[in-house]
Amino acid sequence: ARGLRAILEDVLGPIMFEIPSAENVDKVIVTRAAVEDGAAPTLVLRQARKSA
C-alpha cells in the first residue's frame, strides 16, 4: 500500500494542490501512461450547466 501511495503522489504531485481550487474539474484519471511514462493525468472537466 505504501508503494501505491508513493506512485500516486509522484503522478499527482504537480496538480494535487491546484485541483481543489479548480471549479471546472470533475475527475482526474490516472492512466497507465501517467504511471509508467510520466504523462500527465487526464482531467475531466465539468460541463457548464444551462440556465433556465
N, C-alpha and C. Protein backbone atom coordinates (compact mmCIF):
# COMPACT_ATOMS: atom_id res chain seq x y z
N ALA A 1 0.83 -1.19 0.00
CA ALA A 1 0.00 0.00 0.00
C ALA A 1 0.87 1.26 0.00
N ARG A 2 2.00 1.21 0.67
CA ARG A 2 2.88 2.38 0.69
C ARG A 2 3.47 2.66 -0.69
N GLY A 3 3.76 1.58 -1.41
CA GLY A 3 4.29 1.73 -2.76
C GLY A 3 3.29 2.40 -3.68
N LEU A 4 2.02 1.99 -3.57
CA LEU A 4 0.97 2.60 -4.38
C LEU A 4 0.80 4.07 -4.03
N ARG A 5 0.86 4.37 -2.74
CA ARG A 5 0.74 5.77 -2.31
C ARG A 5 1.88 6.61 -2.88
N ALA A 6 3.08 6.09 -2.85
CA ALA A 6 4.23 6.82 -3.38
C ALA A 6 4.09 7.06 -4.88
N ILE A 7 3.59 6.05 -5.60
CA ILE A 7 3.39 6.21 -7.04
C ILE A 7 2.36 7.29 -7.32
N LEU A 8 1.23 7.25 -6.61
CA LEU A 8 0.18 8.25 -6.83
C LEU A 8 0.64 9.65 -6.44
N GLU A 9 1.43 9.76 -5.39
CA GLU A 9 1.96 11.08 -5.02
C GLU A 9 2.88 11.62 -6.11
N ASP A 10 3.67 10.76 -6.72
CA ASP A 10 4.54 11.20 -7.81
C ASP A 10 3.73 11.65 -9.02
N VAL A 11 2.69 10.89 -9.35
CA VAL A 11 1.87 11.20 -10.52
C VAL A 11 1.03 12.45 -10.28
N LEU A 12 0.44 12.56 -9.10
CA LEU A 12 -0.48 13.66 -8.81
C LEU A 12 0.20 14.88 -8.21
N GLY A 13 1.45 14.75 -7.84
CA GLY A 13 2.17 15.84 -7.18
C GLY A 13 2.03 17.20 -7.85
N PRO A 14 2.28 17.29 -9.14
CA PRO A 14 2.22 18.61 -9.79
C PRO A 14 0.84 19.26 -9.77
N ILE A 15 -0.23 18.46 -9.70
CA ILE A 15 -1.57 19.06 -9.77
C ILE A 15 -2.36 18.91 -8.47
N MET A 16 -1.80 18.22 -7.50
CA MET A 16 -2.51 17.88 -6.28
C MET A 16 -3.08 19.10 -5.54
N PHE A 17 -2.38 20.19 -5.54
CA PHE A 17 -2.83 21.36 -4.79
C PHE A 17 -3.60 22.35 -5.65
N GLU A 18 -3.58 22.16 -6.96
CA GLU A 18 -4.31 23.06 -7.86
C GLU A 18 -5.74 22.59 -8.09
N ILE A 19 -5.98 21.31 -8.11
CA ILE A 19 -7.29 20.74 -8.44
C ILE A 19 -8.40 21.18 -7.48
N PRO A 20 -8.20 21.19 -6.17
CA PRO A 20 -9.30 21.58 -5.28
C PRO A 20 -9.85 22.99 -5.55
N SER A 21 -9.02 23.89 -6.02
CA SER A 21 -9.50 25.25 -6.28
C SER A 21 -10.01 25.43 -7.71
N ALA A 22 -9.82 24.43 -8.55
CA ALA A 22 -10.32 24.49 -9.93
C ALA A 22 -11.77 24.05 -9.94
N GLU A 23 -12.66 24.95 -10.20
CA GLU A 23 -14.09 24.67 -10.12
C GLU A 23 -14.61 23.85 -11.31
N ASN A 24 -13.86 23.81 -12.40
CA ASN A 24 -14.35 23.12 -13.60
C ASN A 24 -13.82 21.70 -13.77
N VAL A 25 -13.06 21.19 -12.81
CA VAL A 25 -12.52 19.84 -12.91
C VAL A 25 -13.45 18.88 -12.17
N ASP A 26 -13.95 17.88 -12.89
CA ASP A 26 -14.86 16.90 -12.30
C ASP A 26 -14.11 15.67 -11.79
N LYS A 27 -13.13 15.19 -12.59
CA LYS A 27 -12.37 13.98 -12.24
C LYS A 27 -10.93 14.13 -12.70
N VAL A 28 -10.07 13.37 -12.06
CA VAL A 28 -8.69 13.20 -12.51
C VAL A 28 -8.50 11.70 -12.72
N ILE A 29 -8.16 11.33 -13.94
CA ILE A 29 -7.98 9.92 -14.28
C ILE A 29 -6.49 9.64 -14.44
N VAL A 30 -6.01 8.70 -13.64
CA VAL A 30 -4.60 8.30 -13.71
C VAL A 30 -4.52 7.10 -14.64
N THR A 31 -3.92 7.31 -15.79
CA THR A 31 -3.80 6.25 -16.79
C THR A 31 -2.50 5.48 -16.61
N ARG A 32 -2.40 4.39 -17.32
CA ARG A 32 -1.17 3.60 -17.31
C ARG A 32 0.00 4.45 -17.80
N ALA A 33 -0.26 5.26 -18.83
CA ALA A 33 0.80 6.12 -19.37
C ALA A 33 1.28 7.13 -18.33
N ALA A 34 0.36 7.61 -17.51
CA ALA A 34 0.74 8.57 -16.47
C ALA A 34 1.68 7.92 -15.45
N VAL A 35 1.43 6.67 -15.14
CA VAL A 35 2.25 5.97 -14.15
C VAL A 35 3.57 5.51 -14.76
N GLU A 36 3.51 4.88 -15.93
CA GLU A 36 4.70 4.27 -16.50
C GLU A 36 5.58 5.23 -17.29
N ASP A 37 4.96 6.18 -17.99
CA ASP A 37 5.71 7.04 -18.90
C ASP A 37 5.85 8.48 -18.42
N GLY A 38 5.21 8.81 -17.30
CA GLY A 38 5.29 10.17 -16.79
C GLY A 38 4.37 11.15 -17.50
N ALA A 39 3.40 10.63 -18.25
CA ALA A 39 2.43 11.52 -18.91
C ALA A 39 1.55 12.18 -17.85
N ALA A 40 0.95 13.29 -18.22
CA ALA A 40 0.06 13.99 -17.28
C ALA A 40 -1.23 13.21 -17.10
N PRO A 41 -1.79 13.22 -15.89
CA PRO A 41 -3.10 12.59 -15.68
C PRO A 41 -4.15 13.29 -16.54
N THR A 42 -5.21 12.56 -16.86
CA THR A 42 -6.29 13.12 -17.67
C THR A 42 -7.27 13.86 -16.78
N LEU A 43 -7.56 15.10 -17.12
CA LEU A 43 -8.53 15.89 -16.36
C LEU A 43 -9.85 15.87 -17.10
N VAL A 44 -10.91 15.49 -16.41
CA VAL A 44 -12.25 15.50 -16.99
C VAL A 44 -12.93 16.75 -16.46
N LEU A 45 -13.28 17.63 -17.39
CA LEU A 45 -13.87 18.91 -17.00
C LEU A 45 -15.38 18.80 -16.86
N ARG A 46 -15.90 19.55 -15.93
CA ARG A 46 -17.34 19.61 -15.70
C ARG A 46 -17.97 20.42 -16.81
N GLN A 47 -19.09 19.96 -17.33
CA GLN A 47 -19.78 20.72 -18.36
C GLN A 47 -20.59 21.82 -17.71
N ALA A 48 -20.62 22.96 -18.36
CA ALA A 48 -21.38 24.10 -17.83
C ALA A 48 -22.86 23.78 -17.86
N ARG A 49 -23.53 24.11 -16.79
CA ARG A 49 -24.97 23.88 -16.73
C ARG A 49 -25.68 25.01 -17.43
N LYS A 50 -26.74 24.66 -18.14
CA LYS A 50 -27.52 25.67 -18.85
C LYS A 50 -28.50 26.32 -17.88
N SER A 51 -28.59 27.62 -17.93
CA SER A 51 -29.54 28.35 -17.09
C SER A 51 -30.91 28.30 -17.74
N ALA A 52 -31.95 28.21 -16.92
CA ALA A 52 -33.32 28.16 -17.46
C ALA A 52 -33.85 29.55 -17.70
